[in-house]
Full PDB file with SEQRES, HELIX, SHEET, SSBOND, CRYST1, ORIGX, SCALE, CONECT and MASTER records, all heavy atoms in Angstrom:
SEQRES   1 A   42  GLY LEU GLY ILE HIS VAL VAL SER THR ASP PRO ALA SER          
SEQRES   2 A   42  ARG ARG ILE ARG ILE SER GLY SER ALA ASN THR LEU GLY          
SEQRES   3 A   42  HIS VAL PHE GLY THR GLN LEU GLU ALA VAL THR SER ARG          
SEQRES   4 A   42  ALA SER ASP                                                  
HELIX    1 AA1 ALA A   22  VAL A   28  1                                   7    
SHEET    1 AA1 2 HIS A   5  ASP A  10  0                                        
SHEET    2 AA1 2 ARG A  15  SER A  19 -1                                        
CRYST1    1.000    1.000    1.000  90.00  90.00  90.00 P 1           1          
ORIGX1      1.000000  0.000000  0.000000        0.00000                         
ORIGX2      0.000000  1.000000  0.000000        0.00000                         
ORIGX3      0.000000  0.000000  1.000000        0.00000                         
SCALE1      1.000000  0.000000  0.000000        0.00000                         
SCALE2      0.000000  1.000000  0.000000        0.00000                         
SCALE3      0.000000  0.000000  1.000000        0.00000                         
ATOM      1  N   GLY A   1       0.716  -1.286  -0.077  1.00  0.00           N  
ATOM      2  CA  GLY A   1       0.061  -0.002   0.064  1.00  0.00           C  
ATOM      3  C   GLY A   1       0.828   1.237   0.010  1.00  0.00           C  
ATOM      4  O   GLY A   1       0.325   2.351  -0.334  1.00  0.00           O  
ATOM      5  N   LEU A   2       2.080   1.161   0.381  1.00  0.00           N  
ATOM      6  CA  LEU A   2       3.006   2.263   0.370  1.00  0.00           C  
ATOM      7  C   LEU A   2       3.947   2.355  -0.878  1.00  0.00           C  
ATOM      8  O   LEU A   2       4.889   3.010  -0.904  1.00  0.00           O  
ATOM      9  CB  LEU A   2       3.877   2.182   1.665  1.00  0.00           C  
ATOM     10  CG  LEU A   2       3.132   2.378   2.946  1.00  0.00           C  
ATOM     11  CD1 LEU A   2       4.021   2.094   4.108  1.00  0.00           C  
ATOM     12  CD2 LEU A   2       2.537   3.841   2.986  1.00  0.00           C  
ATOM     13  N   GLY A   3       3.648   1.463  -1.797  1.00  0.00           N  
ATOM     14  CA  GLY A   3       4.445   1.531  -3.139  1.00  0.00           C  
ATOM     15  C   GLY A   3       5.512   0.657  -3.144  1.00  0.00           C  
ATOM     16  O   GLY A   3       6.319   0.695  -4.043  1.00  0.00           O  
ATOM     17  N   ILE A   4       5.628  -0.378  -2.242  1.00  0.00           N  
ATOM     18  CA  ILE A   4       6.882  -1.281  -2.222  1.00  0.00           C  
ATOM     19  C   ILE A   4       6.437  -2.562  -2.797  1.00  0.00           C  
ATOM     20  O   ILE A   4       5.312  -3.037  -2.428  1.00  0.00           O  
ATOM     21  CB  ILE A   4       7.318  -1.402  -0.690  1.00  0.00           C  
ATOM     22  CG1 ILE A   4       8.004  -0.068  -0.220  1.00  0.00           C  
ATOM     23  CG2 ILE A   4       8.370  -2.621  -0.743  1.00  0.00           C  
ATOM     24  CD1 ILE A   4       8.451  -0.188   1.169  1.00  0.00           C  
ATOM     25  N   HIS A   5       7.136  -3.186  -3.578  1.00  0.00           N  
ATOM     26  CA  HIS A   5       6.867  -4.434  -4.239  1.00  0.00           C  
ATOM     27  C   HIS A   5       7.323  -5.514  -3.381  1.00  0.00           C  
ATOM     28  O   HIS A   5       8.440  -5.551  -2.945  1.00  0.00           O  
ATOM     29  CB  HIS A   5       7.538  -4.472  -5.662  1.00  0.00           C  
ATOM     30  CG  HIS A   5       7.224  -5.874  -6.312  1.00  0.00           C  
ATOM     31  ND1 HIS A   5       6.035  -6.399  -6.589  1.00  0.00           N  
ATOM     32  CD2 HIS A   5       8.210  -6.743  -6.758  1.00  0.00           C  
ATOM     33  CE1 HIS A   5       6.216  -7.631  -7.237  1.00  0.00           C  
ATOM     34  NE2 HIS A   5       7.497  -7.834  -7.277  1.00  0.00           N  
ATOM     35  N   VAL A   6       6.466  -6.606  -3.007  1.00  0.00           N  
ATOM     36  CA  VAL A   6       6.867  -7.762  -2.378  1.00  0.00           C  
ATOM     37  C   VAL A   6       7.337  -8.851  -3.425  1.00  0.00           C  
ATOM     38  O   VAL A   6       6.602  -9.278  -4.190  1.00  0.00           O  
ATOM     39  CB  VAL A   6       5.809  -8.322  -1.539  1.00  0.00           C  
ATOM     40  CG1 VAL A   6       6.126  -9.639  -1.014  1.00  0.00           C  
ATOM     41  CG2 VAL A   6       5.366  -7.335  -0.397  1.00  0.00           C  
ATOM     42  N   VAL A   7       8.622  -9.122  -3.353  1.00  0.00           N  
ATOM     43  CA  VAL A   7       9.312  -9.973  -4.316  1.00  0.00           C  
ATOM     44  C   VAL A   7       9.038 -11.533  -3.920  1.00  0.00           C  
ATOM     45  O   VAL A   7       8.689 -12.333  -4.844  1.00  0.00           O  
ATOM     46  CB  VAL A   7      10.765  -9.801  -4.362  1.00  0.00           C  
ATOM     47  CG1 VAL A   7      11.425 -10.733  -5.312  1.00  0.00           C  
ATOM     48  CG2 VAL A   7      11.067  -8.316  -4.878  1.00  0.00           C  
ATOM     49  N   SER A   8       9.208 -11.737  -2.670  1.00  0.00           N  
ATOM     50  CA  SER A   8       8.929 -13.162  -2.239  1.00  0.00           C  
ATOM     51  C   SER A   8       8.736 -13.187  -0.789  1.00  0.00           C  
ATOM     52  O   SER A   8       9.092 -12.250  -0.024  1.00  0.00           O  
ATOM     53  CB  SER A   8      10.164 -14.089  -2.555  1.00  0.00           C  
ATOM     54  OG  SER A   8      11.286 -13.648  -1.946  1.00  0.00           O  
ATOM     55  N   THR A   9       8.091 -14.259  -0.238  1.00  0.00           N  
ATOM     56  CA  THR A   9       7.888 -14.419   1.157  1.00  0.00           C  
ATOM     57  C   THR A   9       8.273 -15.889   1.463  1.00  0.00           C  
ATOM     58  O   THR A   9       8.068 -16.785   0.750  1.00  0.00           O  
ATOM     59  CB  THR A   9       6.420 -14.204   1.610  1.00  0.00           C  
ATOM     60  OG1 THR A   9       5.584 -15.224   0.949  1.00  0.00           O  
ATOM     61  CG2 THR A   9       5.942 -12.884   1.236  1.00  0.00           C  
ATOM     62  N   ASP A  10       8.893 -16.030   2.746  1.00  0.00           N  
ATOM     63  CA  ASP A  10       9.292 -17.314   3.116  1.00  0.00           C  
ATOM     64  C   ASP A  10       8.904 -17.544   4.630  1.00  0.00           C  
ATOM     65  O   ASP A  10       9.577 -17.021   5.535  1.00  0.00           O  
ATOM     66  CB  ASP A  10      10.824 -17.483   3.028  1.00  0.00           C  
ATOM     67  CG  ASP A  10      11.260 -18.876   3.379  1.00  0.00           C  
ATOM     68  OD1 ASP A  10      10.485 -19.751   3.852  1.00  0.00           O  
ATOM     69  OD2 ASP A  10      12.572 -19.234   3.278  1.00  0.00           O  
ATOM     70  N   PRO A  11       7.751 -18.144   4.915  1.00  0.00           N  
ATOM     71  CA  PRO A  11       7.218 -18.222   6.276  1.00  0.00           C  
ATOM     72  C   PRO A  11       8.203 -18.890   7.275  1.00  0.00           C  
ATOM     73  O   PRO A  11       8.240 -18.401   8.404  1.00  0.00           O  
ATOM     74  CB  PRO A  11       5.942 -18.963   6.056  1.00  0.00           C  
ATOM     75  CG  PRO A  11       5.452 -18.707   4.639  1.00  0.00           C  
ATOM     76  CD  PRO A  11       6.822 -18.706   3.917  1.00  0.00           C  
ATOM     77  N   ALA A  12       8.892 -19.978   6.778  1.00  0.00           N  
ATOM     78  CA  ALA A  12       9.709 -20.636   7.744  1.00  0.00           C  
ATOM     79  C   ALA A  12      10.801 -19.857   8.278  1.00  0.00           C  
ATOM     80  O   ALA A  12      11.119 -19.877   9.401  1.00  0.00           O  
ATOM     81  CB  ALA A  12      10.222 -21.966   6.962  1.00  0.00           C  
ATOM     82  N   SER A  13      11.529 -19.226   7.371  1.00  0.00           N  
ATOM     83  CA  SER A  13      12.638 -18.308   7.771  1.00  0.00           C  
ATOM     84  C   SER A  13      12.221 -16.895   8.112  1.00  0.00           C  
ATOM     85  O   SER A  13      13.009 -16.141   8.504  1.00  0.00           O  
ATOM     86  CB  SER A  13      13.695 -18.223   6.578  1.00  0.00           C  
ATOM     87  OG  SER A  13      13.166 -17.527   5.489  1.00  0.00           O  
ATOM     88  N   ARG A  14      10.888 -16.621   7.979  1.00  0.00           N  
ATOM     89  CA  ARG A  14      10.306 -15.300   8.482  1.00  0.00           C  
ATOM     90  C   ARG A  14      10.921 -14.142   7.631  1.00  0.00           C  
ATOM     91  O   ARG A  14      10.930 -13.083   8.153  1.00  0.00           O  
ATOM     92  CB  ARG A  14      10.488 -15.098   9.967  1.00  0.00           C  
ATOM     93  CG  ARG A  14      10.222 -16.250  10.798  1.00  0.00           C  
ATOM     94  CD  ARG A  14      10.591 -16.198  12.321  1.00  0.00           C  
ATOM     95  NE  ARG A  14      11.845 -15.412  12.549  1.00  0.00           N  
ATOM     96  CZ  ARG A  14      13.001 -16.000  12.367  1.00  0.00           C  
ATOM     97  NH1 ARG A  14      13.060 -17.272  11.936  1.00  0.00           N  
ATOM     98  NH2 ARG A  14      14.173 -15.356  12.650  1.00  0.00           N  
ATOM     99  N   ARG A  15      11.234 -14.359   6.419  1.00  0.00           N  
ATOM    100  CA  ARG A  15      11.714 -13.370   5.592  1.00  0.00           C  
ATOM    101  C   ARG A  15      10.815 -12.928   4.460  1.00  0.00           C  
ATOM    102  O   ARG A  15      10.063 -13.800   3.876  1.00  0.00           O  
ATOM    103  CB  ARG A  15      13.026 -13.803   4.980  1.00  0.00           C  
ATOM    104  CG  ARG A  15      14.193 -13.948   5.876  1.00  0.00           C  
ATOM    105  CD  ARG A  15      15.462 -14.541   5.094  1.00  0.00           C  
ATOM    106  NE  ARG A  15      15.063 -15.927   4.544  1.00  0.00           N  
ATOM    107  CZ  ARG A  15      15.363 -16.242   3.298  1.00  0.00           C  
ATOM    108  NH1 ARG A  15      16.158 -15.390   2.534  1.00  0.00           N  
ATOM    109  NH2 ARG A  15      15.071 -17.356   2.727  1.00  0.00           N  
ATOM    110  N   ILE A  16      10.805 -11.652   4.157  1.00  0.00           N  
ATOM    111  CA  ILE A  16      10.115 -10.998   3.055  1.00  0.00           C  
ATOM    112  C   ILE A  16      11.043 -10.207   2.265  1.00  0.00           C  
ATOM    113  O   ILE A  16      11.725  -9.354   2.785  1.00  0.00           O  
ATOM    114  CB  ILE A  16       8.915 -10.213   3.481  1.00  0.00           C  
ATOM    115  CG1 ILE A  16       7.808 -11.037   4.263  1.00  0.00           C  
ATOM    116  CG2 ILE A  16       8.197  -9.571   2.229  1.00  0.00           C  
ATOM    117  CD1 ILE A  16       6.769 -10.134   4.810  1.00  0.00           C  
ATOM    118  N   ARG A  17      11.204 -10.541   0.999  1.00  0.00           N  
ATOM    119  CA  ARG A  17      12.128  -9.830   0.091  1.00  0.00           C  
ATOM    120  C   ARG A  17      11.313  -8.771  -0.672  1.00  0.00           C  
ATOM    121  O   ARG A  17      10.312  -9.084  -1.108  1.00  0.00           O  
ATOM    122  CB  ARG A  17      12.796 -10.768  -0.944  1.00  0.00           C  
ATOM    123  CG  ARG A  17      13.967 -10.296  -1.728  1.00  0.00           C  
ATOM    124  CD  ARG A  17      15.034 -10.078  -0.890  1.00  0.00           C  
ATOM    125  NE  ARG A  17      16.257  -9.562  -1.828  1.00  0.00           N  
ATOM    126  CZ  ARG A  17      17.295  -8.995  -1.326  1.00  0.00           C  
ATOM    127  NH1 ARG A  17      17.487  -8.857  -0.079  1.00  0.00           N  
ATOM    128  NH2 ARG A  17      18.264  -8.707  -2.180  1.00  0.00           N  
ATOM    129  N   ILE A  18      11.801  -7.484  -0.589  1.00  0.00           N  
ATOM    130  CA  ILE A  18      11.043  -6.437  -1.083  1.00  0.00           C  
ATOM    131  C   ILE A  18      11.881  -5.613  -2.101  1.00  0.00           C  
ATOM    132  O   ILE A  18      13.220  -5.715  -2.108  1.00  0.00           O  
ATOM    133  CB  ILE A  18      10.517  -5.468   0.042  1.00  0.00           C  
ATOM    134  CG1 ILE A  18      11.692  -4.830   0.768  1.00  0.00           C  
ATOM    135  CG2 ILE A  18       9.561  -6.206   0.979  1.00  0.00           C  
ATOM    136  CD1 ILE A  18      11.422  -3.760   1.784  1.00  0.00           C  
ATOM    137  N   SER A  19      11.294  -4.796  -2.901  1.00  0.00           N  
ATOM    138  CA  SER A  19      11.954  -3.922  -3.895  1.00  0.00           C  
ATOM    139  C   SER A  19      11.180  -2.676  -3.912  1.00  0.00           C  
ATOM    140  O   SER A  19      10.046  -2.576  -3.760  1.00  0.00           O  
ATOM    141  CB  SER A  19      12.135  -4.602  -5.233  1.00  0.00           C  
ATOM    142  OG  SER A  19      10.995  -4.662  -5.919  1.00  0.00           O  
ATOM    143  N   GLY A  20      11.901  -1.580  -4.310  1.00  0.00           N  
ATOM    144  CA  GLY A  20      11.374  -0.323  -4.511  1.00  0.00           C  
ATOM    145  C   GLY A  20      12.537   0.708  -4.823  1.00  0.00           C  
ATOM    146  O   GLY A  20      13.669   0.467  -4.679  1.00  0.00           O  
ATOM    147  N   SER A  21      12.107   1.879  -5.180  1.00  0.00           N  
ATOM    148  CA  SER A  21      13.141   2.970  -5.441  1.00  0.00           C  
ATOM    149  C   SER A  21      13.770   3.291  -4.115  1.00  0.00           C  
ATOM    150  O   SER A  21      13.226   3.110  -2.977  1.00  0.00           O  
ATOM    151  CB  SER A  21      12.555   4.149  -6.011  1.00  0.00           C  
ATOM    152  OG  SER A  21      11.765   4.861  -5.080  1.00  0.00           O  
ATOM    153  N   ALA A  22      15.019   3.821  -4.206  1.00  0.00           N  
ATOM    154  CA  ALA A  22      15.675   4.229  -3.019  1.00  0.00           C  
ATOM    155  C   ALA A  22      14.974   5.358  -2.283  1.00  0.00           C  
ATOM    156  O   ALA A  22      14.904   5.404  -1.009  1.00  0.00           O  
ATOM    157  CB  ALA A  22      17.121   4.789  -3.354  1.00  0.00           C  
ATOM    158  N   ASN A  23      14.199   6.218  -2.990  1.00  0.00           N  
ATOM    159  CA  ASN A  23      13.440   7.198  -2.417  1.00  0.00           C  
ATOM    160  C   ASN A  23      12.378   6.665  -1.693  1.00  0.00           C  
ATOM    161  O   ASN A  23      11.954   6.955  -0.470  1.00  0.00           O  
ATOM    162  CB  ASN A  23      12.857   8.248  -3.503  1.00  0.00           C  
ATOM    163  CG  ASN A  23      14.035   9.262  -3.792  1.00  0.00           C  
ATOM    164  OD1 ASN A  23      14.830   9.553  -3.107  1.00  0.00           O  
ATOM    165  ND2 ASN A  23      13.762   9.914  -4.944  1.00  0.00           N  
ATOM    166  N   THR A  24      11.662   5.657  -2.209  1.00  0.00           N  
ATOM    167  CA  THR A  24      10.414   5.159  -1.587  1.00  0.00           C  
ATOM    168  C   THR A  24      10.860   4.318  -0.266  1.00  0.00           C  
ATOM    169  O   THR A  24      10.351   4.500   0.777  1.00  0.00           O  
ATOM    170  CB  THR A  24       9.739   4.190  -2.622  1.00  0.00           C  
ATOM    171  OG1 THR A  24       9.259   5.011  -3.607  1.00  0.00           O  
ATOM    172  CG2 THR A  24       8.485   3.512  -1.837  1.00  0.00           C  
ATOM    173  N   LEU A  25      11.881   3.441  -0.429  1.00  0.00           N  
ATOM    174  CA  LEU A  25      12.303   2.704   0.759  1.00  0.00           C  
ATOM    175  C   LEU A  25      12.853   3.562   1.775  1.00  0.00           C  
ATOM    176  O   LEU A  25      12.633   3.346   2.985  1.00  0.00           O  
ATOM    177  CB  LEU A  25      13.336   1.643   0.267  1.00  0.00           C  
ATOM    178  CG  LEU A  25      12.838   0.583  -0.672  1.00  0.00           C  
ATOM    179  CD1 LEU A  25      13.990  -0.359  -1.052  1.00  0.00           C  
ATOM    180  CD2 LEU A  25      11.790  -0.255  -0.058  1.00  0.00           C  
ATOM    181  N   GLY A  26      13.444   4.612   1.323  1.00  0.00           N  
ATOM    182  CA  GLY A  26      14.028   5.518   2.354  1.00  0.00           C  
ATOM    183  C   GLY A  26      12.840   6.240   3.161  1.00  0.00           C  
ATOM    184  O   GLY A  26      12.989   6.459   4.404  1.00  0.00           O  
ATOM    185  N   HIS A  27      11.861   6.674   2.377  1.00  0.00           N  
ATOM    186  CA  HIS A  27      10.726   7.315   3.086  1.00  0.00           C  
ATOM    187  C   HIS A  27      10.099   6.324   3.941  1.00  0.00           C  
ATOM    188  O   HIS A  27       9.738   6.770   5.132  1.00  0.00           O  
ATOM    189  CB  HIS A  27       9.693   7.876   2.085  1.00  0.00           C  
ATOM    190  CG  HIS A  27       8.611   8.611   2.475  1.00  0.00           C  
ATOM    191  ND1 HIS A  27       8.769   9.744   3.296  1.00  0.00           N  
ATOM    192  CD2 HIS A  27       7.276   8.416   2.325  1.00  0.00           C  
ATOM    193  CE1 HIS A  27       7.554  10.155   3.632  1.00  0.00           C  
ATOM    194  NE2 HIS A  27       6.692   9.412   3.077  1.00  0.00           N  
ATOM    195  N   VAL A  28       9.689   5.106   3.583  1.00  0.00           N  
ATOM    196  CA  VAL A  28       8.995   4.153   4.356  1.00  0.00           C  
ATOM    197  C   VAL A  28       9.650   3.746   5.579  1.00  0.00           C  
ATOM    198  O   VAL A  28       9.137   3.528   6.717  1.00  0.00           O  
ATOM    199  CB  VAL A  28       8.534   2.972   3.488  1.00  0.00           C  
ATOM    200  CG1 VAL A  28       7.914   1.896   4.377  1.00  0.00           C  
ATOM    201  CG2 VAL A  28       7.535   3.423   2.444  1.00  0.00           C  
ATOM    202  N   PHE A  29      11.044   3.674   5.476  1.00  0.00           N  
ATOM    203  CA  PHE A  29      11.847   3.214   6.626  1.00  0.00           C  
ATOM    204  C   PHE A  29      12.615   4.309   7.262  1.00  0.00           C  
ATOM    205  O   PHE A  29      13.536   4.076   8.123  1.00  0.00           O  
ATOM    206  CB  PHE A  29      12.704   2.033   6.163  1.00  0.00           C  
ATOM    207  CG  PHE A  29      12.024   0.968   5.786  1.00  0.00           C  
ATOM    208  CD1 PHE A  29      11.950   0.405   4.403  1.00  0.00           C  
ATOM    209  CD2 PHE A  29      11.277   0.139   6.627  1.00  0.00           C  
ATOM    210  CE1 PHE A  29      11.292  -0.689   3.932  1.00  0.00           C  
ATOM    211  CE2 PHE A  29      10.512  -0.969   6.236  1.00  0.00           C  
ATOM    212  CZ  PHE A  29      10.512  -1.455   4.935  1.00  0.00           C  
ATOM    213  N   GLY A  30      12.173   5.587   7.012  1.00  0.00           N  
ATOM    214  CA  GLY A  30      12.815   6.628   7.881  1.00  0.00           C  
ATOM    215  C   GLY A  30      14.219   6.968   7.628  1.00  0.00           C  
ATOM    216  O   GLY A  30      14.858   7.229   8.680  1.00  0.00           O  
ATOM    217  N   THR A  31      14.810   6.741   6.450  1.00  0.00           N  
ATOM    218  CA  THR A  31      16.159   6.969   6.340  1.00  0.00           C  
ATOM    219  C   THR A  31      16.432   7.632   4.908  1.00  0.00           C  
ATOM    220  O   THR A  31      15.608   7.712   4.099  1.00  0.00           O  
ATOM    221  CB  THR A  31      16.948   5.761   6.463  1.00  0.00           C  
ATOM    222  OG1 THR A  31      18.400   5.996   6.588  1.00  0.00           O  
ATOM    223  CG2 THR A  31      16.778   4.803   5.275  1.00  0.00           C  
ATOM    224  N   GLN A  32      17.753   8.042   4.792  1.00  0.00           N  
ATOM    225  CA  GLN A  32      18.237   8.593   3.515  1.00  0.00           C  
ATOM    226  C   GLN A  32      19.326   7.773   3.152  1.00  0.00           C  
ATOM    227  O   GLN A  32      20.275   7.486   3.817  1.00  0.00           O  
ATOM    228  CB  GLN A  32      18.649  10.018   3.621  1.00  0.00           C  
ATOM    229  CG  GLN A  32      19.074  10.747   2.289  1.00  0.00           C  
ATOM    230  CD  GLN A  32      19.429  12.207   2.537  1.00  0.00           C  
ATOM    231  OE1 GLN A  32      19.226  12.774   3.543  1.00  0.00           O  
ATOM    232  NE2 GLN A  32      19.964  12.788   1.339  1.00  0.00           N  
ATOM    233  N   LEU A  33      19.283   7.251   1.825  1.00  0.00           N  
ATOM    234  CA  LEU A  33      20.280   6.343   1.216  1.00  0.00           C  
ATOM    235  C   LEU A  33      21.127   7.199   0.259  1.00  0.00           C  
ATOM    236  O   LEU A  33      20.657   7.826  -0.592  1.00  0.00           O  
ATOM    237  CB  LEU A  33      19.578   5.221   0.550  1.00  0.00           C  
ATOM    238  CG  LEU A  33      18.710   4.239   1.331  1.00  0.00           C  
ATOM    239  CD1 LEU A  33      18.108   3.175   0.499  1.00  0.00           C  
ATOM    240  CD2 LEU A  33      19.506   3.695   2.500  1.00  0.00           C  
ATOM    241  N   GLU A  34      22.438   7.242   0.412  1.00  0.00           N  
ATOM    242  CA  GLU A  34      23.286   7.832  -0.494  1.00  0.00           C  
ATOM    243  C   GLU A  34      24.373   6.936  -1.108  1.00  0.00           C  
ATOM    244  O   GLU A  34      24.818   5.996  -0.436  1.00  0.00           O  
ATOM    245  CB  GLU A  34      24.053   8.930   0.415  1.00  0.00           C  
ATOM    246  CG  GLU A  34      23.359   9.980   1.042  1.00  0.00           C  
ATOM    247  CD  GLU A  34      24.097  10.892   1.912  1.00  0.00           C  
ATOM    248  OE1 GLU A  34      24.814  10.448   2.787  1.00  0.00           O  
ATOM    249  OE2 GLU A  34      24.117  12.084   1.731  1.00  0.00           O  
ATOM    250  N   ALA A  35      24.615   7.234  -2.401  1.00  0.00           N  
ATOM    251  CA  ALA A  35      25.687   6.449  -3.012  1.00  0.00           C  
ATOM    252  C   ALA A  35      27.038   7.078  -2.661  1.00  0.00           C  
ATOM    253  O   ALA A  35      27.281   8.216  -2.986  1.00  0.00           O  
ATOM    254  CB  ALA A  35      25.448   6.314  -4.522  1.00  0.00           C  
ATOM    255  N   VAL A  36      27.932   6.145  -2.055  1.00  0.00           N  
ATOM    256  CA  VAL A  36      29.149   6.841  -1.640  1.00  0.00           C  
ATOM    257  C   VAL A  36      30.342   5.826  -2.006  1.00  0.00           C  
ATOM    258  O   VAL A  36      30.134   4.602  -2.303  1.00  0.00           O  
ATOM    259  CB  VAL A  36      29.210   7.047  -0.091  1.00  0.00           C  
ATOM    260  CG1 VAL A  36      28.099   7.937   0.348  1.00  0.00           C  
ATOM    261  CG2 VAL A  36      29.116   5.744   0.652  1.00  0.00           C  
ATOM    262  N   THR A  37      31.513   6.378  -1.928  1.00  0.00           N  
ATOM    263  CA  THR A  37      32.758   5.548  -1.947  1.00  0.00           C  
ATOM    264  C   THR A  37      33.301   5.673  -0.486  1.00  0.00           C  
ATOM    265  O   THR A  37      33.563   6.614   0.022  1.00  0.00           O  
ATOM    266  CB  THR A  37      33.783   5.937  -2.892  1.00  0.00           C  
ATOM    267  OG1 THR A  37      33.340   6.015  -4.264  1.00  0.00           O  
ATOM    268  CG2 THR A  37      35.125   5.316  -2.886  1.00  0.00           C  
ATOM    269  N   SER A  38      33.612   4.430   0.065  1.00  0.00           N  
ATOM    270  CA  SER A  38      34.040   4.405   1.497  1.00  0.00           C  
ATOM    271  C   SER A  38      35.291   3.393   1.511  1.00  0.00           C  
ATOM    272  O   SER A  38      35.518   2.632   0.569  1.00  0.00           O  
ATOM    273  CB  SER A  38      32.998   3.996   2.498  1.00  0.00           C  
ATOM    274  OG  SER A  38      32.768   2.598   2.369  1.00  0.00           O  
ATOM    275  N   ARG A  39      35.995   3.374   2.722  1.00  0.00           N  
ATOM    276  CA  ARG A  39      36.946   2.406   2.987  1.00  0.00           C  
ATOM    277  C   ARG A  39      36.444   1.255   3.776  1.00  0.00           C  
ATOM    278  O   ARG A  39      36.009   1.428   4.886  1.00  0.00           O  
ATOM    279  CB  ARG A  39      38.181   3.142   3.644  1.00  0.00           C  
ATOM    280  CG  ARG A  39      39.580   2.435   3.433  1.00  0.00           C  
ATOM    281  CD  ARG A  39      40.684   3.236   3.940  1.00  0.00           C  
ATOM    282  NE  ARG A  39      40.721   4.633   3.318  1.00  0.00           N  
ATOM    283  CZ  ARG A  39      41.244   4.755   2.096  1.00  0.00           C  
ATOM    284  NH1 ARG A  39      41.659   3.753   1.326  1.00  0.00           N  
ATOM    285  NH2 ARG A  39      41.266   6.008   1.658  1.00  0.00           N  
ATOM    286  N   ALA A  40      36.772   0.027   3.226  1.00  0.00           N  
ATOM    287  CA  ALA A  40      36.362  -1.105   3.862  1.00  0.00           C  
ATOM    288  C   ALA A  40      37.327  -1.561   5.077  1.00  0.00           C  
ATOM    289  O   ALA A  40      38.336  -0.866   5.158  1.00  0.00           O  
ATOM    290  CB  ALA A  40      36.212  -2.344   2.928  1.00  0.00           C  
ATOM    291  N   SER A  41      36.990  -2.504   5.858  1.00  0.00           N  
ATOM    292  CA  SER A  41      37.816  -2.886   7.031  1.00  0.00           C  
ATOM    293  C   SER A  41      39.188  -3.439   6.520  1.00  0.00           C  
ATOM    294  O   SER A  41      40.215  -3.313   7.248  1.00  0.00           O  
ATOM    295  CB  SER A  41      37.245  -4.031   7.798  1.00  0.00           C  
ATOM    296  OG  SER A  41      36.869  -5.179   6.923  1.00  0.00           O  
ATOM    297  N   ASP A  42      39.326  -3.827   5.291  1.00  0.00           N  
ATOM    298  CA  ASP A  42      40.653  -4.282   4.779  1.00  0.00           C  
ATOM    299  C   ASP A  42      41.422  -3.131   4.062  1.00  0.00           C  
ATOM    300  O   ASP A  42      42.452  -3.404   3.410  1.00  0.00           O  
ATOM    301  CB  ASP A  42      40.519  -5.464   3.727  1.00  0.00           C  
ATOM    302  CG  ASP A  42      39.685  -5.121   2.555  1.00  0.00           C  
ATOM    303  OD1 ASP A  42      39.212  -3.989   2.453  1.00  0.00           O  
ATOM    304  OD2 ASP A  42      39.513  -6.083   1.768  1.00  0.00           O  
TER     305      ASP A  42                                                      
MASTER        0    0    0    1    2    0    0    6  304    1    0    4          
END                                                                             
């Protein structure tokens, strides 16, 4: 209902795979997603 697509559900492992735009997912889950270059632990 919030514009997110449900890709798959797995009742046994309690997982739902979802997809949507970065803007939509960010809005629904209260965050901002940025594309960055960072330094990994190695």
